[in-house]
Amino acid sequence: MHTYAPKNLKEQFPQLKDLQDLTLSPILEIVFNEWLKQMPDSAVSDIKELPKQDYFSPNSYYHCVVDGKIIQMNVFGRDIDVCDEDESWHMVSEVSFGGDEVASKQLFEKFDDFIGRQRLEELVSLSKRELEKGKTYHLSSEMRDFYLCGAFTQATFRSK
């Protein structure tokens, strides 16, 4: 199984290395949804989201056909609402690819490559717009500072 998690984001974008994993969920959410919109492509002939067994689960599961082999893609969600135990706001925290070793690695590499071609500034901007749709006062202080206040953003991009 191959897994893409916040540590992979930190490797691709060293400016993110000091941020907590939870803070990076909005970027993973945005980039995963953009990648999913572009599927299927030349290597992925079909993709299907599996029905949820538990309506309240933040996780999603997909079957993808890569070079004629079925790959399971598991998308795990995490609650980014740190203020209210009665409410939740889930975003992608990790994506794993399993099944045929060669085909799952190929799909992981396509996802990794897609993320590597993105501009971090654009991902942060899109994440900010998405976060502004919700209760921003329920976010961690680091997440609010990074996406909404620009405190980390300006210094982060200058160090690039």
Protein backbone atom coordinates (compact mmCIF):
# COMPACT_ATOMS: atom_id res chain seq x y z
CA MET A 1 0.00 0.00 0.00
CA HIS A 2 1.22 3.47 -0.88
CA THR A 3 0.06 6.41 1.21
CA TYR A 4 0.14 10.14 0.59
CA ALA A 5 0.00 12.07 3.86
CA PRO A 6 1.04 15.50 5.20
CA LYS A 7 4.67 14.34 5.43
CA ASN A 8 4.65 13.98 1.63
CA LEU A 9 3.34 17.54 1.28
CA LYS A 10 6.13 18.74 3.55
CA GLU A 11 8.68 16.97 1.35
CA GLN A 12 7.29 18.53 -1.83
CA PHE A 13 6.89 21.98 -0.30
CA PRO A 14 9.65 22.50 2.30
CA GLN A 15 7.99 25.79 3.32
CA LEU A 16 5.34 23.67 5.09
CA LYS A 17 7.78 21.63 7.21
CA ASP A 18 7.05 23.41 10.50
CA LEU A 19 3.26 23.18 10.26
CA GLN A 20 1.18 20.58 12.08
CA ASP A 21 -0.34 17.81 9.98
CA LEU A 22 -3.87 19.01 10.79
CA THR A 23 -3.05 22.42 9.28
CA LEU A 24 -2.29 20.78 5.94
CA SER A 25 -5.66 19.01 5.57
CA PRO A 26 -7.24 21.89 3.62
CA ILE A 27 -4.45 21.70 1.03
CA LEU A 28 -4.88 17.92 0.72
CA GLU A 29 -8.64 18.43 0.39
CA ILE A 30 -8.25 20.94 -2.44
CA VAL A 31 -5.57 19.06 -4.34
CA PHE A 32 -7.34 15.70 -4.06
CA ASN A 33 -10.62 17.15 -5.37
CA GLU A 34 -8.84 18.85 -8.28
CA TRP A 35 -6.99 15.63 -9.12
CA LEU A 36 -10.22 13.64 -8.98
CA LYS A 37 -11.87 16.04 -11.46
CA GLN A 38 -9.16 15.19 -13.99
CA MET A 39 -9.71 11.45 -13.74
CA PRO A 40 -9.96 9.24 -15.68
CA ASP A 41 -6.93 9.90 -17.85
CA SER A 42 -4.68 7.85 -20.11
CA ALA A 43 -3.55 5.49 -17.33
CA VAL A 44 -6.84 5.41 -15.38
CA SER A 45 -9.62 4.06 -17.57
CA ASP A 46 -12.35 4.17 -14.92
CA ILE A 47 -13.01 5.38 -11.39
CA LYS A 48 -16.01 4.75 -9.17
CA GLU A 49 -16.77 5.95 -5.66
CA LEU A 50 -18.06 3.11 -3.52
CA PRO A 51 -21.24 3.63 -1.48
CA LYS A 52 -20.63 4.62 2.13
CA GLN A 53 -21.37 1.95 4.71
CA ASP A 54 -21.54 4.56 7.45
CA TYR A 55 -23.14 7.87 6.48
CA PHE A 56 -21.25 9.74 9.21
CA SER A 57 -17.81 8.43 8.29
CA PRO A 58 -15.42 11.05 6.92
CA ASN A 59 -13.74 8.40 4.77
CA SER A 60 -14.37 7.70 1.08
CA TYR A 61 -13.41 4.68 -0.96
CA TYR A 62 -12.91 4.39 -4.69
CA HIS A 63 -12.10 1.67 -7.17
CA CYS A 64 -9.90 2.72 -10.06
CA VAL A 65 -8.90 0.73 -13.13
CA VAL A 66 -5.22 1.27 -13.90
CA ASP A 67 -3.78 -0.68 -16.82
CA GLY A 68 -6.62 -3.18 -16.49
CA LYS A 69 -6.07 -3.72 -12.75
CA ILE A 70 -8.44 -2.64 -10.00
CA ILE A 71 -6.88 -0.36 -7.41
CA GLN A 72 -8.58 0.63 -4.19
CA MET A 73 -8.12 4.24 -3.23
CA ASN A 74 -8.94 5.05 0.40
CA VAL A 75 -9.43 8.70 1.29
CA PHE A 76 -9.34 9.31 5.02
CA GLY A 77 -10.89 12.41 6.51
CA ARG A 78 -10.08 14.24 9.69
CA ASP A 79 -12.12 16.64 11.76
CA ILE A 80 -10.51 20.09 11.57
CA ASP A 81 -13.04 21.60 14.01
CA VAL A 82 -10.98 21.91 17.20
CA CYS A 83 -13.56 23.90 19.19
CA ASP A 84 -16.81 21.96 19.22
CA GLU A 85 -17.20 18.27 20.02
CA ASP A 86 -20.79 18.33 18.76
CA GLU A 87 -19.87 19.57 15.31
CA SER A 88 -17.41 18.30 12.76
CA TRP A 89 -15.74 19.65 9.66
CA HIS A 90 -13.94 16.91 7.79
CA MET A 91 -11.18 17.33 5.27
CA VAL A 92 -8.78 14.91 3.62
CA SER A 93 -5.91 13.86 5.86
CA GLU A 94 -4.46 10.95 3.89
CA VAL A 95 -4.92 9.07 0.60
CA SER A 96 -3.80 5.47 0.23
CA PHE A 97 -3.57 3.29 -2.86
CA GLY A 98 -3.78 -0.50 -2.59
CA GLY A 99 -4.22 -3.58 -4.71
CA ASP A 100 -1.83 -4.59 -7.46
CA GLU A 101 1.60 -3.37 -6.33
CA VAL A 102 2.75 -1.97 -9.68
CA ALA A 103 -0.56 -0.31 -10.58
CA SER A 104 -1.10 1.15 -7.09
CA LYS A 105 2.41 2.58 -7.12
CA GLN A 106 1.75 4.05 -10.55
CA LEU A 107 -1.44 5.75 -9.30
CA PHE A 108 0.36 7.03 -6.18
CA GLU A 109 3.11 8.47 -8.38
CA LYS A 110 0.53 10.16 -10.64
CA PHE A 111 -1.05 11.78 -7.56
CA ASP A 112 2.35 12.78 -6.19
CA ASP A 113 3.36 14.22 -9.56
CA PHE A 114 0.09 16.15 -9.86
CA ILE A 115 0.68 17.76 -6.48
CA GLY A 116 4.27 18.56 -7.37
CA ARG A 117 3.12 20.51 -10.42
CA GLN A 118 0.90 22.78 -8.32
CA ARG A 119 1.87 26.23 -7.13
CA LEU A 120 1.79 26.34 -3.34
CA GLU A 121 0.52 29.91 -3.35
CA GLU A 122 -2.50 28.85 -5.42
CA LEU A 123 -3.22 25.85 -3.18
CA VAL A 124 -3.14 28.07 -0.09
CA SER A 125 -5.41 30.61 -1.77
CA LEU A 126 -7.94 27.94 -2.81
CA SER A 127 -7.80 26.42 0.68
CA LYS A 128 -8.45 29.83 2.22
CA ARG A 129 -11.55 30.30 0.05
CA GLU A 130 -12.82 26.87 1.04
CA LEU A 131 -12.22 27.50 4.75
CA GLU A 132 -14.00 30.85 4.59
CA LYS A 133 -17.19 28.97 3.72
CA GLY A 134 -17.27 27.45 7.22
CA LYS A 135 -16.98 28.48 10.84
CA THR A 136 -13.43 29.79 10.80
CA TYR A 137 -13.48 30.45 14.53
CA HIS A 138 -13.58 26.63 14.98
CA LEU A 139 -10.16 26.20 13.39
CA SER A 140 -6.89 25.81 15.27
CA SER A 141 -4.99 29.04 15.78
CA GLU A 142 -2.18 27.80 13.52
CA MET A 143 -4.64 27.03 10.73
CA ARG A 144 -6.37 30.41 11.09
CA ASP A 145 -3.03 32.21 11.07
CA PHE A 146 -1.67 30.30 8.09
CA TYR A 147 -4.70 30.50 5.78
CA LEU A 148 -6.72 33.47 6.93
CA CYS A 149 -4.37 35.98 8.54
CA GLY A 150 -1.45 35.61 6.19
CA ALA A 151 1.07 35.59 9.06
CA PHE A 152 2.74 32.40 7.90
CA THR A 153 1.93 32.84 4.25
CA GLN A 154 4.01 35.91 3.48
CA ALA A 155 7.08 34.72 5.40
CA THR A 156 6.70 31.19 3.99
CA PHE A 157 6.72 32.29 0.36
CA ARG A 158 9.59 34.72 0.86
CA SER A 159 11.81 31.90 2.13
CA LYS A 160 11.29 29.90 -1.07
